[in-house]
Amino acid sequence: MVPADGWEKAYRDELKNYIELSDGKAIAVDQALRVDTGTKGTDVVSAYLKQLQGKMTGAQLGTVKTLDVQNDKLSVGMGSIRGTRATSQGSVKLNYFVIISVRKSDGLSVLTALITDSSTDPSGYSDPFLQMAESLLNSQLKAP
């Protein structure tokens, strides 16, 4: 994954195929995982958002949609959720925007999520986030 301008690696866990990038205000989380062949990206997004919902209070789920990436090798879903999460620093209101892509041939999947606090307008992050997500999808297509 190629970080967008102004974004830096904040944390990496090689064993979990997990990385966090930050611009100092927001976090982009990326993780590779494997799901059953034939699973749709929208199904994985729905499951992930339900998992997040269980860790939040006052959670508001957005609509889960198919993202057309003009490539029939991938099934890509996107969705969002906002709510309050308890952290070691106290309760924080967060916005999550999630894209999950599933490679149809073998279930190799990538998750990318933009996380902002509720006082930040997430639309200001659309260009860098989509740039990083596109980089991740291109890597997924090239991966063995």
C-alpha atoms as a PDB file:
ATOM      1  CA  MET A   1       0.000   0.000   0.000  1.00  0.00           C
ATOM      2  CA  VAL A   2       1.256   3.445  -0.914  1.00  0.00           C
ATOM      3  CA  PRO A   3       0.502   6.129   1.695  1.00  0.00           C
ATOM      4  CA  ALA A   4      -1.045   9.345   0.399  1.00  0.00           C
ATOM      5  CA  ASP A   5       0.891  12.586   0.793  1.00  0.00           C
ATOM      6  CA  GLY A   6       1.036  13.579   4.450  1.00  0.00           C
ATOM      7  CA  TRP A   7       0.261  10.080   5.743  1.00  0.00           C
ATOM      8  CA  GLU A   8       2.797   7.948   7.630  1.00  0.00           C
ATOM      9  CA  LYS A   9       2.952   4.434   8.998  1.00  0.00           C
ATOM     10  CA  ALA A  10       1.881   4.572  12.653  1.00  0.00           C
ATOM     11  CA  TYR A  11       1.771   0.851  13.486  1.00  0.00           C
ATOM     12  CA  ARG A  12       2.394  -2.458  11.755  1.00  0.00           C
ATOM     13  CA  ASP A  13       1.802  -6.091  12.774  1.00  0.00           C
ATOM     14  CA  GLU A  14       3.320  -8.460  10.220  1.00  0.00           C
ATOM     15  CA  LEU A  15       1.773 -11.541  11.840  1.00  0.00           C
ATOM     16  CA  LYS A  16      -1.736 -10.142  11.387  1.00  0.00           C
ATOM     17  CA  ASN A  17      -1.070  -8.524   7.972  1.00  0.00           C
ATOM     18  CA  TYR A  18      -2.172  -5.265   9.600  1.00  0.00           C
ATOM     19  CA  ILE A  19      -1.020  -1.667   9.223  1.00  0.00           C
ATOM     20  CA  GLU A  20      -2.193   1.709  10.497  1.00  0.00           C
ATOM     21  CA  LEU A  21      -1.413   4.966   8.729  1.00  0.00           C
ATOM     22  CA  SER A  22      -2.058   8.416  10.152  1.00  0.00           C
ATOM     23  CA  ASP A  23      -1.963  12.028   9.072  1.00  0.00           C
ATOM     24  CA  GLY A  24      -2.034  13.148  12.699  1.00  0.00           C
ATOM     25  CA  LYS A  25      -5.824  13.562  12.785  1.00  0.00           C
ATOM     26  CA  ALA A  26      -7.309  10.463  11.151  1.00  0.00           C
ATOM     27  CA  ILE A  27      -6.265   6.828  10.908  1.00  0.00           C
ATOM     28  CA  ALA A  28      -6.401   4.505   7.917  1.00  0.00           C
ATOM     29  CA  VAL A  29      -6.396   0.823   8.882  1.00  0.00           C
ATOM     30  CA  ASP A  30      -5.474  -1.842   6.336  1.00  0.00           C
ATOM     31  CA  GLN A  31      -5.533  -5.604   6.766  1.00  0.00           C
ATOM     32  CA  ALA A  32      -5.276  -8.615   4.495  1.00  0.00           C
ATOM     33  CA  LEU A  33      -7.416 -11.639   5.335  1.00  0.00           C
ATOM     34  CA  ARG A  34      -8.956 -14.648   3.667  1.00  0.00           C
ATOM     35  CA  VAL A  35     -12.649 -15.486   3.393  1.00  0.00           C
ATOM     36  CA  ASP A  36     -14.478 -18.338   1.705  1.00  0.00           C
ATOM     37  CA  THR A  37     -14.383 -18.280  -2.079  1.00  0.00           C
ATOM     38  CA  GLY A  38     -17.648 -16.861  -3.370  1.00  0.00           C
ATOM     39  CA  THR A  39     -18.149 -14.484  -0.446  1.00  0.00           C
ATOM     40  CA  LYS A  40     -19.226 -11.019  -1.568  1.00  0.00           C
ATOM     41  CA  GLY A  41     -17.434  -7.873  -0.465  1.00  0.00           C
ATOM     42  CA  THR A  42     -20.734  -6.455   0.792  1.00  0.00           C
ATOM     43  CA  ASP A  43     -21.222  -9.509   3.034  1.00  0.00           C
ATOM     44  CA  VAL A  44     -17.806  -9.011   4.635  1.00  0.00           C
ATOM     45  CA  VAL A  45     -18.458  -5.275   5.098  1.00  0.00           C
ATOM     46  CA  SER A  46     -21.804  -6.037   6.786  1.00  0.00           C
ATOM     47  CA  ALA A  47     -20.170  -8.543   9.142  1.00  0.00           C
ATOM     48  CA  TYR A  48     -17.342  -6.131   9.994  1.00  0.00           C
ATOM     49  CA  LEU A  49     -19.749  -3.264  10.693  1.00  0.00           C
ATOM     50  CA  LYS A  50     -21.890  -5.503  12.930  1.00  0.00           C
ATOM     51  CA  GLN A  51     -18.732  -6.424  14.843  1.00  0.00           C
ATOM     52  CA  LEU A  52     -17.920  -2.725  15.301  1.00  0.00           C
ATOM     53  CA  GLN A  53     -21.530  -2.005  16.276  1.00  0.00           C
ATOM     54  CA  GLY A  54     -21.164  -4.447  19.169  1.00  0.00           C
ATOM     55  CA  LYS A  55     -18.258  -2.373  20.505  1.00  0.00           C
ATOM     56  CA  MET A  56     -20.101   0.961  20.278  1.00  0.00           C
ATOM     57  CA  THR A  57     -22.910   2.787  21.980  1.00  0.00           C
ATOM     58  CA  GLY A  58     -25.361   4.855  19.968  1.00  0.00           C
ATOM     59  CA  ALA A  59     -24.097   3.270  16.760  1.00  0.00           C
ATOM     60  CA  GLN A  60     -25.624   4.424  13.475  1.00  0.00           C
ATOM     61  CA  LEU A  61     -25.033   2.093  10.547  1.00  0.00           C
ATOM     62  CA  GLY A  62     -24.839   3.527   7.064  1.00  0.00           C
ATOM     63  CA  THR A  63     -25.998   1.649   3.982  1.00  0.00           C
ATOM     64  CA  VAL A  64     -23.701  -1.102   2.707  1.00  0.00           C
ATOM     65  CA  LYS A  65     -23.221  -0.830  -1.047  1.00  0.00           C
ATOM     66  CA  THR A  66     -21.340  -2.505  -3.856  1.00  0.00           C
ATOM     67  CA  LEU A  67     -18.429  -0.444  -5.144  1.00  0.00           C
ATOM     68  CA  ASP A  68     -17.933  -0.883  -8.885  1.00  0.00           C
ATOM     69  CA  VAL A  69     -14.170  -0.974  -9.457  1.00  0.00           C
ATOM     70  CA  GLN A  70     -14.527  -2.020 -13.109  1.00  0.00           C
ATOM     71  CA  ASN A  71     -12.755  -5.330 -12.526  1.00  0.00           C
ATOM     72  CA  ASP A  72     -14.649  -8.624 -12.524  1.00  0.00           C
ATOM     73  CA  LYS A  73     -11.940 -10.362 -10.466  1.00  0.00           C
ATOM     74  CA  LEU A  74     -12.994  -8.455  -7.350  1.00  0.00           C
ATOM     75  CA  SER A  75     -16.167  -8.116  -5.302  1.00  0.00           C
ATOM     76  CA  VAL A  76     -15.959  -4.832  -3.411  1.00  0.00           C
ATOM     77  CA  GLY A  77     -18.279  -3.499  -0.737  1.00  0.00           C
ATOM     78  CA  MET A  78     -18.325  -0.271   1.218  1.00  0.00           C
ATOM     79  CA  GLY A  79     -20.171   0.995   4.236  1.00  0.00           C
ATOM     80  CA  SER A  80     -19.964   3.238   7.257  1.00  0.00           C
ATOM     81  CA  ILE A  81     -20.783   3.426  10.922  1.00  0.00           C
ATOM     82  CA  ARG A  82     -20.591   6.120  13.561  1.00  0.00           C
ATOM     83  CA  GLY A  83     -20.850   5.766  17.285  1.00  0.00           C
ATOM     84  CA  THR A  84     -19.091   6.048  20.623  1.00  0.00           C
ATOM     85  CA  ARG A  85     -16.268   3.707  21.600  1.00  0.00           C
ATOM     86  CA  ALA A  86     -14.663   3.353  24.993  1.00  0.00           C
ATOM     87  CA  THR A  87     -10.876   3.745  24.883  1.00  0.00           C
ATOM     88  CA  SER A  88      -8.120   3.992  27.465  1.00  0.00           C
ATOM     89  CA  GLN A  89      -8.475   7.790  27.150  1.00  0.00           C
ATOM     90  CA  GLY A  90     -12.247   7.694  27.716  1.00  0.00           C
ATOM     91  CA  SER A  91     -15.209   7.612  25.357  1.00  0.00           C
ATOM     92  CA  VAL A  92     -14.697   8.882  21.818  1.00  0.00           C
ATOM     93  CA  LYS A  93     -17.262   9.483  19.077  1.00  0.00           C
ATOM     94  CA  LEU A  94     -15.892   8.002  15.855  1.00  0.00           C
ATOM     95  CA  ASN A  95     -16.768   7.721  12.171  1.00  0.00           C
ATOM     96  CA  TYR A  96     -15.674   4.639  10.217  1.00  0.00           C
ATOM     97  CA  PHE A  97     -15.760   4.428   6.422  1.00  0.00           C
ATOM     98  CA  VAL A  98     -14.931   0.898   5.271  1.00  0.00           C
ATOM     99  CA  ILE A  99     -14.032  -0.680   1.926  1.00  0.00           C
ATOM    100  CA  ILE A 100     -13.502  -4.446   1.723  1.00  0.00           C
ATOM    101  CA  SER A 101     -12.484  -6.217  -1.456  1.00  0.00           C
ATOM    102  CA  VAL A 102     -12.669  -9.976  -2.014  1.00  0.00           C
ATOM    103  CA  ARG A 103     -10.708 -11.629  -4.823  1.00  0.00           C
ATOM    104  CA  LYS A 104     -13.261 -13.979  -6.368  1.00  0.00           C
ATOM    105  CA  SER A 105     -10.792 -16.706  -7.363  1.00  0.00           C
ATOM    106  CA  ASP A 106      -9.537 -17.535  -3.865  1.00  0.00           C
ATOM    107  CA  GLY A 107     -11.117 -15.293  -1.209  1.00  0.00           C
ATOM    108  CA  LEU A 108      -7.994 -13.177  -0.623  1.00  0.00           C
ATOM    109  CA  SER A 109      -9.452 -10.019   0.885  1.00  0.00           C
ATOM    110  CA  VAL A 110      -8.283  -6.586   1.882  1.00  0.00           C
ATOM    111  CA  LEU A 111      -9.945  -4.317   4.391  1.00  0.00           C
ATOM    112  CA  THR A 112      -9.285  -0.607   4.464  1.00  0.00           C
ATOM    113  CA  ALA A 113     -11.032   1.683   6.916  1.00  0.00           C
ATOM    114  CA  LEU A 114     -10.826   5.411   7.481  1.00  0.00           C
ATOM    115  CA  ILE A 115     -11.389   6.347  11.124  1.00  0.00           C
ATOM    116  CA  THR A 116     -12.023   9.943  12.184  1.00  0.00           C
ATOM    117  CA  ASP A 117     -13.430  11.515  15.305  1.00  0.00           C
ATOM    118  CA  SER A 118     -16.918  12.930  15.009  1.00  0.00           C
ATOM    119  CA  SER A 119     -15.696  16.533  14.972  1.00  0.00           C
ATOM    120  CA  THR A 120     -13.809  15.893  11.722  1.00  0.00           C
ATOM    121  CA  ASP A 121     -15.584  16.096   8.382  1.00  0.00           C
ATOM    122  CA  PRO A 122     -14.716  12.740   6.762  1.00  0.00           C
ATOM    123  CA  SER A 123     -15.465  14.084   3.270  1.00  0.00           C
ATOM    124  CA  GLY A 124     -12.201  16.033   3.442  1.00  0.00           C
ATOM    125  CA  TYR A 125     -10.405  12.693   3.470  1.00  0.00           C
ATOM    126  CA  SER A 126     -12.071  11.154   0.434  1.00  0.00           C
ATOM    127  CA  ASP A 127      -9.246  11.821  -2.044  1.00  0.00           C
ATOM    128  CA  PRO A 128      -6.314  10.519   0.033  1.00  0.00           C
ATOM    129  CA  PHE A 129      -8.349   7.600   1.387  1.00  0.00           C
ATOM    130  CA  LEU A 130      -9.526   6.515  -2.063  1.00  0.00           C
ATOM    131  CA  GLN A 131      -5.979   6.897  -3.397  1.00  0.00           C
ATOM    132  CA  MET A 132      -4.689   4.555  -0.683  1.00  0.00           C
ATOM    133  CA  ALA A 133      -7.594   2.134  -1.191  1.00  0.00           C
ATOM    134  CA  GLU A 134      -6.882   2.010  -4.933  1.00  0.00           C
ATOM    135  CA  SER A 135      -3.240   1.218  -4.192  1.00  0.00           C
ATOM    136  CA  LEU A 136      -4.355  -1.621  -1.933  1.00  0.00           C
ATOM    137  CA  LEU A 137      -6.746  -3.063  -4.543  1.00  0.00           C
ATOM    138  CA  ASN A 138      -4.017  -2.963  -7.181  1.00  0.00           C
ATOM    139  CA  SER A 139      -1.711  -4.863  -4.811  1.00  0.00           C
ATOM    140  CA  GLN A 140      -4.466  -7.403  -4.200  1.00  0.00           C
ATOM    141  CA  LEU A 141      -4.819  -8.042  -7.928  1.00  0.00           C
ATOM    142  CA  LYS A 142      -1.061  -8.625  -8.254  1.00  0.00           C
ATOM    143  CA  ALA A 143      -0.674 -10.827  -5.160  1.00  0.00           C
ATOM    144  CA  PRO A 144      -0.094 -14.550  -5.739  1.00  0.00           C
END
